Amino acid sequence: MSETRQERGQRIVETIAGEQSTAPLSDWEETAPGMGALIRDFIAGDVLGRDGLDLKTRQLLTVVMLAALRAPDELTMHLQGALRLGWSQREIGEALIQVAPFGGFPAALEALKTFNQLLTDTAAKPH
């Protein structure tokens, strides 16, 4: 039996967001009912779950696009997901450098600042 788009989406959200996987789905339910289902079903289930590129590659592309869009909150979660999916700190840093000529130096620098803060916060957490 194949996965439904909801099951596939939930699996992908859990893979990317880890223990925080309910947050991206429930944060907007009071003010925008159904937004979590759109994220789970459309973004994760239909787009990130497509054949043609693996999830790891799609995650790095997502990081670069969020960096160019200067969306730090979403970027932080997807940076965590990129690390969780096996991208190294160096590879992510290189991808963020790629933002500079195409998305602008301010966007790239803001993304690097967000990444540095994430790495600092992660290093400060007890293991």
N, C-alpha and C. Protein backbone atom coordinates (compact mmCIF):
# COMPACT_ATOMS: atom_id res chain seq x y z
N MET A 1 0.83 -1.18 0.00
CA MET A 1 0.00 0.00 0.00
C MET A 1 0.88 1.25 0.00
N SER A 2 0.58 2.18 -0.88
CA SER A 2 1.41 3.38 -0.97
C SER A 2 0.95 4.44 0.03
N GLU A 3 1.85 5.33 0.35
CA GLU A 3 1.56 6.41 1.29
C GLU A 3 0.58 7.40 0.69
N THR A 4 -0.29 7.95 1.51
CA THR A 4 -1.10 9.08 1.07
C THR A 4 -0.22 10.32 1.12
N ARG A 5 -0.68 11.38 0.50
CA ARG A 5 0.09 12.63 0.55
C ARG A 5 0.20 13.14 1.98
N GLN A 6 -0.83 12.90 2.81
CA GLN A 6 -0.77 13.32 4.21
C GLN A 6 0.28 12.50 4.98
N GLU A 7 0.32 11.21 4.76
CA GLU A 7 1.31 10.35 5.43
C GLU A 7 2.72 10.70 4.97
N ARG A 8 2.88 10.86 3.66
CA ARG A 8 4.20 11.24 3.12
C ARG A 8 4.61 12.60 3.67
N GLY A 9 3.68 13.55 3.68
CA GLY A 9 3.97 14.88 4.20
C GLY A 9 4.35 14.86 5.66
N GLN A 10 3.62 14.10 6.46
CA GLN A 10 3.92 14.01 7.89
C GLN A 10 5.31 13.40 8.11
N ARG A 11 5.63 12.36 7.36
CA ARG A 11 6.94 11.72 7.47
C ARG A 11 8.05 12.72 7.14
N ILE A 12 7.86 13.50 6.09
CA ILE A 12 8.88 14.47 5.67
C ILE A 12 8.99 15.60 6.69
N VAL A 13 7.88 16.10 7.19
CA VAL A 13 7.92 17.15 8.22
C VAL A 13 8.69 16.64 9.44
N GLU A 14 8.42 15.41 9.86
CA GLU A 14 9.12 14.84 11.01
C GLU A 14 10.61 14.67 10.73
N THR A 15 10.96 14.32 9.50
CA THR A 15 12.37 14.18 9.12
C THR A 15 13.09 15.52 9.18
N ILE A 16 12.46 16.55 8.67
CA ILE A 16 13.09 17.88 8.63
C ILE A 16 13.07 18.56 10.00
N ALA A 17 11.92 18.56 10.65
CA ALA A 17 11.77 19.33 11.89
C ALA A 17 12.10 18.55 13.15
N GLY A 18 12.26 17.23 13.05
CA GLY A 18 12.63 16.43 14.21
C GLY A 18 11.61 16.55 15.33
N GLU A 19 12.11 16.75 16.54
CA GLU A 19 11.24 16.80 17.71
C GLU A 19 10.32 18.00 17.71
N GLN A 20 10.57 18.97 16.86
CA GLN A 20 9.71 20.16 16.77
C GLN A 20 8.70 20.02 15.62
N SER A 21 8.41 18.81 15.18
CA SER A 21 7.62 18.61 13.97
C SER A 21 6.18 19.07 14.08
N THR A 22 5.65 19.24 15.27
CA THR A 22 4.27 19.72 15.38
C THR A 22 4.19 21.24 15.24
N ALA A 23 5.26 21.95 15.55
CA ALA A 23 5.23 23.42 15.51
C ALA A 23 4.88 23.98 14.13
N PRO A 24 5.53 23.56 13.06
CA PRO A 24 5.20 24.17 11.77
C PRO A 24 3.78 23.86 11.32
N LEU A 25 3.18 22.85 11.89
CA LEU A 25 1.83 22.46 11.48
C LEU A 25 0.75 23.09 12.35
N SER A 26 1.07 23.44 13.58
CA SER A 26 0.04 23.93 14.49
C SER A 26 0.14 25.41 14.83
N ASP A 27 1.24 26.07 14.47
CA ASP A 27 1.45 27.46 14.86
C ASP A 27 0.34 28.41 14.39
N TRP A 28 -0.31 28.10 13.28
CA TRP A 28 -1.27 29.04 12.70
C TRP A 28 -2.71 28.59 12.82
N GLU A 29 -2.97 27.49 13.48
CA GLU A 29 -4.33 26.94 13.47
C GLU A 29 -5.37 27.89 14.05
N GLU A 30 -5.02 28.67 15.05
CA GLU A 30 -6.01 29.57 15.64
C GLU A 30 -6.39 30.70 14.69
N THR A 31 -5.40 31.28 14.04
CA THR A 31 -5.66 32.43 13.16
C THR A 31 -5.88 32.04 11.70
N ALA A 32 -5.34 30.91 11.29
CA ALA A 32 -5.47 30.48 9.89
C ALA A 32 -5.68 28.97 9.84
N PRO A 33 -6.88 28.53 10.22
CA PRO A 33 -7.16 27.09 10.24
C PRO A 33 -6.87 26.46 8.87
N GLY A 34 -6.20 25.33 8.91
CA GLY A 34 -5.88 24.61 7.68
C GLY A 34 -4.49 24.89 7.13
N MET A 35 -3.80 25.93 7.64
CA MET A 35 -2.46 26.24 7.13
C MET A 35 -1.50 25.08 7.39
N GLY A 36 -1.60 24.44 8.55
CA GLY A 36 -0.73 23.30 8.85
C GLY A 36 -0.94 22.17 7.87
N ALA A 37 -2.19 21.92 7.50
CA ALA A 37 -2.47 20.87 6.52
C ALA A 37 -1.89 21.22 5.16
N LEU A 38 -1.93 22.51 4.77
CA LEU A 38 -1.32 22.92 3.50
C LEU A 38 0.19 22.68 3.51
N ILE A 39 0.81 23.02 4.64
CA ILE A 39 2.26 22.79 4.75
C ILE A 39 2.56 21.30 4.66
N ARG A 40 1.85 20.51 5.45
CA ARG A 40 2.09 19.06 5.48
C ARG A 40 1.78 18.41 4.13
N ASP A 41 0.61 18.69 3.57
CA ASP A 41 0.15 17.98 2.39
C ASP A 41 0.77 18.52 1.10
N PHE A 42 0.74 19.84 0.92
CA PHE A 42 1.24 20.40 -0.33
C PHE A 42 2.76 20.56 -0.32
N ILE A 43 3.27 21.35 0.63
CA ILE A 43 4.72 21.62 0.62
C ILE A 43 5.51 20.33 0.84
N ALA A 44 5.20 19.63 1.94
CA ALA A 44 5.99 18.42 2.26
C ALA A 44 5.56 17.23 1.41
N GLY A 45 4.26 16.95 1.39
CA GLY A 45 3.79 15.74 0.71
C GLY A 45 3.90 15.79 -0.80
N ASP A 46 3.50 16.91 -1.40
CA ASP A 46 3.48 17.01 -2.86
C ASP A 46 4.79 17.52 -3.45
N VAL A 47 5.39 18.55 -2.85
CA VAL A 47 6.58 19.17 -3.45
C VAL A 47 7.87 18.51 -2.95
N LEU A 48 8.09 18.51 -1.64
CA LEU A 48 9.33 17.91 -1.12
C LEU A 48 9.36 16.40 -1.32
N GLY A 49 8.20 15.78 -1.43
CA GLY A 49 8.12 14.33 -1.61
C GLY A 49 8.15 13.86 -3.05
N ARG A 50 8.36 14.77 -3.99
CA ARG A 50 8.40 14.39 -5.40
C ARG A 50 9.62 13.54 -5.73
N ASP A 51 9.47 12.73 -6.77
CA ASP A 51 10.62 12.02 -7.33
C ASP A 51 11.45 13.01 -8.13
N GLY A 52 12.66 12.65 -8.46
CA GLY A 52 13.50 13.49 -9.30
C GLY A 52 14.67 14.11 -8.57
N LEU A 53 14.46 14.52 -7.33
CA LEU A 53 15.52 15.00 -6.45
C LEU A 53 15.29 14.36 -5.10
N ASP A 54 16.38 14.02 -4.42
CA ASP A 54 16.20 13.46 -3.09
C ASP A 54 15.88 14.57 -2.09
N LEU A 55 15.38 14.18 -0.93
CA LEU A 55 14.97 15.14 0.09
C LEU A 55 16.16 15.97 0.57
N LYS A 56 17.31 15.37 0.67
CA LYS A 56 18.50 16.10 1.11
C LYS A 56 18.79 17.28 0.18
N THR A 57 18.75 17.03 -1.12
CA THR A 57 19.00 18.09 -2.11
C THR A 57 17.90 19.15 -2.05
N ARG A 58 16.66 18.70 -1.98
CA ARG A 58 15.55 19.66 -1.89
C ARG A 58 15.67 20.53 -0.64
N GLN A 59 16.19 19.97 0.44
CA GLN A 59 16.35 20.74 1.68
C GLN A 59 17.40 21.83 1.50
N LEU A 60 18.50 21.53 0.85
CA LEU A 60 19.52 22.56 0.63
C LEU A 60 18.97 23.65 -0.29
N LEU A 61 18.21 23.28 -1.30
CA LEU A 61 17.58 24.28 -2.17
C LEU A 61 16.62 25.16 -1.36
N THR A 62 15.89 24.56 -0.45
CA THR A 62 14.98 25.32 0.41
C THR A 62 15.75 26.31 1.26
N VAL A 63 16.87 25.88 1.82
CA VAL A 63 17.71 26.77 2.64
C VAL A 63 18.15 27.97 1.81
N VAL A 64 18.62 27.74 0.61
CA VAL A 64 19.12 28.82 -0.24
C VAL A 64 17.98 29.79 -0.59
N MET A 65 16.82 29.26 -0.91
CA MET A 65 15.70 30.13 -1.26
C MET A 65 15.22 30.95 -0.07
N LEU A 66 15.14 30.34 1.10
CA LEU A 66 14.73 31.08 2.29
C LEU A 66 15.76 32.13 2.66
N ALA A 67 17.03 31.83 2.43
CA ALA A 67 18.08 32.82 2.67
C ALA A 67 17.89 34.02 1.73
N ALA A 68 17.66 33.76 0.45
CA ALA A 68 17.46 34.84 -0.51
C ALA A 68 16.21 35.66 -0.19
N LEU A 69 15.20 34.99 0.36
CA LEU A 69 13.95 35.68 0.73
C LEU A 69 14.06 36.42 2.07
N ARG A 70 15.17 36.19 2.78
CA ARG A 70 15.39 36.81 4.09
C ARG A 70 14.27 36.46 5.05
N ALA A 71 14.05 35.15 5.19
CA ALA A 71 13.02 34.61 6.08
C ALA A 71 13.70 33.86 7.22
N PRO A 72 14.23 34.57 8.23
CA PRO A 72 15.09 33.94 9.24
C PRO A 72 14.41 32.86 10.09
N ASP A 73 13.15 33.02 10.44
CA ASP A 73 12.50 32.01 11.28
C ASP A 73 12.39 30.69 10.54
N GLU A 74 11.90 30.74 9.31
CA GLU A 74 11.79 29.53 8.51
C GLU A 74 13.17 28.98 8.17
N LEU A 75 14.11 29.89 7.91
CA LEU A 75 15.48 29.48 7.58
C LEU A 75 16.09 28.67 8.72
N THR A 76 15.90 29.11 9.94
CA THR A 76 16.48 28.40 11.08
C THR A 76 16.00 26.95 11.11
N MET A 77 14.70 26.74 10.97
CA MET A 77 14.17 25.38 11.01
C MET A 77 14.73 24.54 9.85
N HIS A 78 14.83 25.15 8.67
CA HIS A 78 15.32 24.39 7.52
C HIS A 78 16.84 24.19 7.57
N LEU A 79 17.57 25.10 8.22
CA LEU A 79 19.00 24.85 8.46
C LEU A 79 19.17 23.64 9.37
N GLN A 80 18.35 23.57 10.42
CA GLN A 80 18.39 22.40 11.30
C GLN A 80 18.08 21.14 10.49
N GLY A 81 17.09 21.22 9.63
CA GLY A 81 16.74 20.08 8.79
C GLY A 81 17.87 19.68 7.86
N ALA A 82 18.56 20.67 7.29
CA ALA A 82 19.69 20.38 6.40
C ALA A 82 20.79 19.64 7.16
N LEU A 83 21.08 20.09 8.37
CA LEU A 83 22.08 19.39 9.19
C LEU A 83 21.60 17.98 9.52
N ARG A 84 20.33 17.86 9.87
CA ARG A 84 19.74 16.56 10.21
C ARG A 84 19.80 15.59 9.02
N LEU A 85 19.67 16.12 7.81
CA LEU A 85 19.69 15.28 6.60
C LEU A 85 21.11 14.98 6.12
N GLY A 86 22.12 15.52 6.79
CA GLY A 86 23.49 15.14 6.48
C GLY A 86 24.35 16.16 5.78
N TRP A 87 23.83 17.37 5.55
CA TRP A 87 24.70 18.40 4.99
C TRP A 87 25.67 18.86 6.08
N SER A 88 26.92 19.07 5.71
CA SER A 88 27.91 19.52 6.69
C SER A 88 27.82 21.03 6.86
N GLN A 89 28.39 21.50 7.95
CA GLN A 89 28.45 22.94 8.21
C GLN A 89 29.13 23.65 7.05
N ARG A 90 30.19 23.08 6.55
CA ARG A 90 30.94 23.68 5.43
C ARG A 90 30.09 23.73 4.17
N GLU A 91 29.37 22.66 3.85
CA GLU A 91 28.53 22.63 2.65
C GLU A 91 27.41 23.66 2.73
N ILE A 92 26.79 23.78 3.90
CA ILE A 92 25.73 24.77 4.07
C ILE A 92 26.31 26.17 3.95
N GLY A 93 27.47 26.40 4.55
CA GLY A 93 28.13 27.70 4.43
C GLY A 93 28.41 28.06 2.98
N GLU A 94 28.87 27.09 2.20
CA GLU A 94 29.12 27.33 0.78
C GLU A 94 27.83 27.65 0.03
N ALA A 95 26.76 26.95 0.37
CA ALA A 95 25.48 27.22 -0.27
C ALA A 95 25.01 28.64 0.06
N LEU A 96 25.24 29.08 1.29
CA LEU A 96 24.83 30.43 1.68
C LEU A 96 25.70 31.49 1.00
N ILE A 97 26.96 31.20 0.75
CA ILE A 97 27.80 32.11 -0.03
C ILE A 97 27.22 32.29 -1.43
N GLN A 98 26.67 31.22 -1.98
CA GLN A 98 26.07 31.24 -3.32
C GLN A 98 24.90 32.23 -3.39
N VAL A 99 24.29 32.53 -2.26
CA VAL A 99 23.18 33.49 -2.22
C VAL A 99 23.67 34.90 -2.58
N ALA A 100 24.89 35.24 -2.19
CA ALA A 100 25.38 36.62 -2.34
C ALA A 100 25.27 37.17 -3.76
N PRO A 101 25.81 36.49 -4.78
CA PRO A 101 25.75 37.11 -6.11
C PRO A 101 24.37 37.08 -6.76
N PHE A 102 23.50 36.20 -6.29
CA PHE A 102 22.20 36.04 -6.93
C PHE A 102 21.04 36.60 -6.10
N GLY A 103 21.20 36.65 -4.80
CA GLY A 103 20.15 37.16 -3.92
C GLY A 103 20.55 38.42 -3.18
N GLY A 104 21.83 38.75 -3.27
CA GLY A 104 22.33 39.95 -2.62
C GLY A 104 23.18 39.65 -1.39
N PHE A 105 24.21 40.46 -1.20
CA PHE A 105 25.08 40.29 -0.05
C PHE A 105 24.33 40.45 1.27
N PRO A 106 23.42 41.42 1.41
CA PRO A 106 22.69 41.52 2.68
C PRO A 106 21.93 40.23 3.02
N ALA A 107 21.30 39.61 2.04
CA ALA A 107 20.57 38.37 2.29
C ALA A 107 21.53 37.26 2.70
N ALA A 108 22.66 37.16 2.02
CA ALA A 108 23.64 36.11 2.35
C ALA A 108 24.22 36.33 3.74
N LEU A 109 24.55 37.56 4.07
CA LEU A 109 25.11 37.86 5.39
C LEU A 109 24.10 37.62 6.50
N GLU A 110 22.84 37.97 6.26
CA GLU A 110 21.80 37.71 7.25
C GLU A 110 21.63 36.20 7.45
N ALA A 111 21.67 35.44 6.36
CA ALA A 111 21.55 33.98 6.46
C ALA A 111 22.73 33.38 7.21
N LEU A 112 23.93 33.86 6.94
CA LEU A 112 25.11 33.37 7.65
C LEU A 112 25.02 33.71 9.14
N LYS A 113 24.51 34.90 9.45
CA LYS A 113 24.30 35.28 10.85
C LYS A 113 23.31 34.32 11.52
N THR A 114 22.22 34.02 10.82
CA THR A 114 21.23 33.08 11.34
C THR A 114 21.86 31.71 11.56
N PHE A 115 22.67 31.25 10.61
CA PHE A 115 23.33 29.95 10.71
C PHE A 115 24.31 29.94 11.87
N ASN A 116 25.11 30.99 11.99
CA ASN A 116 26.06 31.08 13.10
C ASN A 116 25.35 31.04 14.45
N GLN A 117 24.23 31.74 14.56
CA GLN A 117 23.47 31.75 15.81
C GLN A 117 22.93 30.35 16.11
N LEU A 118 22.43 29.67 15.10
CA LEU A 118 21.94 28.31 15.27
C LEU A 118 23.06 27.40 15.76
N LEU A 119 24.23 27.51 15.16
CA LEU A 119 25.36 26.66 15.56
C LEU A 119 25.79 26.98 17.00
N THR A 120 25.79 28.26 17.35
CA THR A 120 26.13 28.65 18.73
C THR A 120 25.11 28.11 19.71
N ASP A 121 23.81 28.27 19.39
CA ASP A 121 22.76 27.78 20.27
C ASP A 121 22.82 26.26 20.42
N THR A 122 23.10 25.59 19.32
CA THR A 122 23.16 24.12 19.34
C THR A 122 24.36 23.65 20.17
N ALA A 123 25.50 24.34 20.04
CA ALA A 123 26.68 23.97 20.80
C ALA A 123 26.48 24.21 22.30
N ALA A 124 25.65 25.19 22.64
CA ALA A 124 25.42 25.52 24.06
C ALA A 124 24.46 24.56 24.72
N LYS A 125 23.68 23.81 23.94
CA LYS A 125 22.71 22.86 24.53
C LYS A 125 23.45 21.67 25.13
N PRO A 126 23.02 21.23 26.31
CA PRO A 126 23.65 20.03 26.88
C PRO A 126 23.28 18.82 26.04
N HIS A 127 24.24 17.94 25.86
CA HIS A 127 24.01 16.73 25.04
C HIS A 127 23.72 15.54 25.89
